[in-house]
């Protein structure tokens, strides 16, 4: 029972960080100017990616007979408030938006690495979480390359 609860906490933490990522990309997409349809399309794809990850993780939580987290993390909420304040003073510069997206990608990668290091994550879930982490690393690198290409 204790291992089940620990597993549920790990999975729900990943659900919450994916919720943060979804909200972050929705906000970033809203902040982009209309001429950045390519970035808006990328952000929509990344939102879909996290929604898919959430579905897989939530299915596992449900299979364990526990409740699924539906909120976001406190740190994610604080970060979004900071972004609102920053945007009020600096505007919605594409480089800044991509920089903040990279910050979010760093945060989700850290959460996934922490989950993978946790001994309470069962082997049958480790492969799923590892696959998601690998795909997130690719997304991170794409966002970072885009950020580096924009002056």
Protein backbone atom coordinates (compact mmCIF):
# COMPACT_ATOMS: atom_id res chain seq x y z
CA UNK A 1 0.00 0.00 0.00
CA UNK A 2 2.84 2.38 0.85
CA UNK A 3 4.53 1.71 -2.51
CA UNK A 4 1.24 2.30 -4.31
CA UNK A 5 0.85 5.70 -2.64
CA UNK A 6 4.44 6.63 -3.48
CA UNK A 7 3.89 5.60 -7.10
CA UNK A 8 0.69 7.67 -7.28
CA UNK A 9 2.52 10.71 -5.88
CA UNK A 10 5.26 10.37 -8.50
CA UNK A 11 2.73 10.04 -11.32
CA UNK A 12 0.57 12.90 -10.03
CA UNK A 13 3.65 15.14 -9.80
CA UNK A 14 4.27 14.42 -13.49
CA UNK A 15 0.61 15.11 -14.29
CA UNK A 16 0.89 18.49 -12.55
CA UNK A 17 4.11 19.49 -14.33
CA UNK A 18 2.48 18.56 -17.64
CA UNK A 19 -0.45 20.80 -16.64
CA UNK A 20 2.11 23.58 -16.04
CA UNK A 21 3.61 22.95 -19.47
CA UNK A 22 0.19 23.08 -21.15
CA UNK A 23 -0.69 26.36 -19.43
CA UNK A 24 2.74 27.79 -20.19
CA UNK A 25 2.51 27.07 -23.92
CA UNK A 26 -1.08 28.32 -24.07
CA UNK A 27 0.08 31.59 -22.53
CA UNK A 28 3.16 31.78 -24.76
CA UNK A 29 1.03 31.20 -27.85
CA UNK A 30 -1.31 33.99 -26.79
CA UNK A 31 1.65 36.33 -26.26
CA UNK A 32 3.10 35.74 -29.74
CA UNK A 33 2.41 38.15 -32.54
CA UNK A 34 0.30 36.96 -35.47
CA UNK A 35 3.29 36.66 -37.81
CA UNK A 36 4.63 33.78 -35.70
CA UNK A 37 2.18 31.15 -36.95
CA UNK A 38 5.01 28.59 -37.12
CA UNK A 39 5.78 29.01 -33.40
CA UNK A 40 2.09 28.93 -32.51
CA UNK A 41 1.83 25.65 -34.43
CA UNK A 42 4.84 24.24 -32.55
CA UNK A 43 3.36 25.32 -29.21
CA UNK A 44 0.05 23.66 -30.12
CA UNK A 45 1.94 20.44 -30.91
CA UNK A 46 3.76 20.59 -27.56
CA UNK A 47 0.46 21.17 -25.75
CA UNK A 48 -0.89 18.05 -27.46
CA UNK A 49 2.24 16.16 -26.47
CA UNK A 50 1.72 16.98 -22.79
CA UNK A 51 -1.99 16.17 -23.01
CA UNK A 52 -1.03 12.75 -24.33
CA UNK A 53 1.51 12.24 -21.55
CA UNK A 54 -1.08 13.27 -18.97
CA UNK A 55 -3.58 10.76 -20.35
CA UNK A 56 -1.09 7.91 -20.05
CA UNK A 57 -0.05 8.93 -16.54
CA UNK A 58 -3.62 9.53 -15.36
CA UNK A 59 -4.67 6.12 -16.69
CA UNK A 60 -1.99 4.52 -14.50
CA UNK A 61 -3.09 6.53 -11.44
CA UNK A 62 -6.68 5.49 -12.06
CA UNK A 63 -5.64 1.84 -12.48
CA UNK A 64 -4.05 2.05 -9.03
CA UNK A 65 -7.45 3.16 -7.68
CA UNK A 66 -6.39 6.68 -6.76
CA UNK A 67 -7.47 10.22 -7.68
CA UNK A 68 -5.77 12.08 -10.50
CA UNK A 69 -4.29 15.53 -9.89
CA UNK A 70 -6.00 18.17 -11.98
CA UNK A 71 -4.13 21.31 -10.92
CA UNK A 72 -0.76 22.83 -11.56
CA UNK A 73 2.26 23.16 -9.30
CA UNK A 74 2.70 26.13 -7.00
CA UNK A 75 6.03 26.95 -8.60
CA UNK A 76 4.37 26.92 -12.04
CA UNK A 77 1.74 29.39 -10.85
CA UNK A 78 4.39 31.66 -9.38
CA UNK A 79 6.40 31.52 -12.59
CA UNK A 80 3.36 32.52 -14.68
CA UNK A 81 2.68 35.51 -12.39
CA UNK A 82 6.32 36.56 -12.82
CA UNK A 83 5.89 36.29 -16.60
CA UNK A 84 2.85 38.56 -16.44
CA UNK A 85 4.79 41.17 -14.48
CA UNK A 86 7.80 40.90 -16.78
CA UNK A 87 5.63 41.20 -19.91
CA UNK A 88 4.02 44.35 -18.54
CA UNK A 89 7.44 46.01 -18.50
CA UNK A 90 9.21 44.44 -21.47
CA UNK A 91 6.45 43.47 -23.89
CA UNK A 92 6.19 40.13 -25.63
CA UNK A 93 9.55 39.79 -27.36
CA UNK A 94 9.92 36.46 -29.22
CA UNK A 95 13.33 35.78 -27.71
CA UNK A 96 11.97 36.33 -24.19
CA UNK A 97 9.00 34.06 -24.86
CA UNK A 98 11.28 31.29 -26.13
CA UNK A 99 13.61 31.83 -23.18
CA UNK A 100 10.71 31.32 -20.79
CA UNK A 101 9.60 28.26 -22.75
CA UNK A 102 13.08 26.82 -22.35
CA UNK A 103 12.87 27.50 -18.61
CA UNK A 104 9.63 25.49 -18.56
CA UNK A 105 11.25 22.69 -20.54
CA UNK A 106 14.12 22.63 -18.02
CA UNK A 107 11.59 22.32 -15.19
CA UNK A 108 9.69 19.43 -16.73
CA UNK A 109 12.92 17.58 -17.55
CA UNK A 110 14.03 18.00 -13.94
CA UNK A 111 10.70 16.57 -12.72
CA UNK A 112 11.01 13.58 -15.02
CA UNK A 113 14.62 12.93 -13.99
CA UNK A 114 13.60 13.11 -10.34
CA UNK A 115 10.81 10.60 -11.01
CA UNK A 116 13.22 8.25 -12.79
CA UNK A 117 15.65 8.44 -9.85
CA UNK A 118 12.90 7.53 -7.36
CA UNK A 119 13.18 3.92 -6.25
CA UNK A 120 9.40 3.78 -5.75
CA UNK A 121 8.75 4.05 -9.49
CA UNK A 122 7.93 0.50 -10.59
CA UNK A 123 9.85 -0.99 -13.51
CA UNK A 124 6.70 -1.29 -15.63
CA UNK A 125 6.23 2.51 -15.41
CA UNK A 126 9.91 3.40 -15.65
CA UNK A 127 9.93 2.61 -19.38
CA UNK A 128 6.93 4.87 -20.03
CA UNK A 129 8.36 7.74 -18.00
CA UNK A 130 11.77 7.28 -19.62
CA UNK A 131 10.24 7.41 -23.11
CA UNK A 132 8.35 10.59 -22.26
CA UNK A 133 11.52 12.12 -20.81
CA UNK A 134 13.42 11.30 -23.99
CA UNK A 135 10.79 13.01 -26.14
CA UNK A 136 10.75 16.00 -23.78
CA UNK A 137 14.51 16.34 -24.18
CA UNK A 138 14.04 16.56 -27.96
CA UNK A 139 11.40 19.29 -27.47
CA UNK A 140 13.71 21.13 -25.07
CA UNK A 141 16.53 21.07 -27.59
CA UNK A 142 14.21 22.34 -30.33
CA UNK A 143 13.01 25.25 -28.16
CA UNK A 144 16.61 26.05 -27.16
CA UNK A 145 17.76 26.07 -30.80
CA UNK A 146 14.87 28.37 -31.74
CA UNK A 147 15.71 30.68 -28.84
CA UNK A 148 19.34 30.79 -29.90
CA UNK A 149 18.36 31.62 -33.48
CA UNK A 150 16.23 34.64 -32.50
CA UNK A 151 17.98 37.87 -31.59
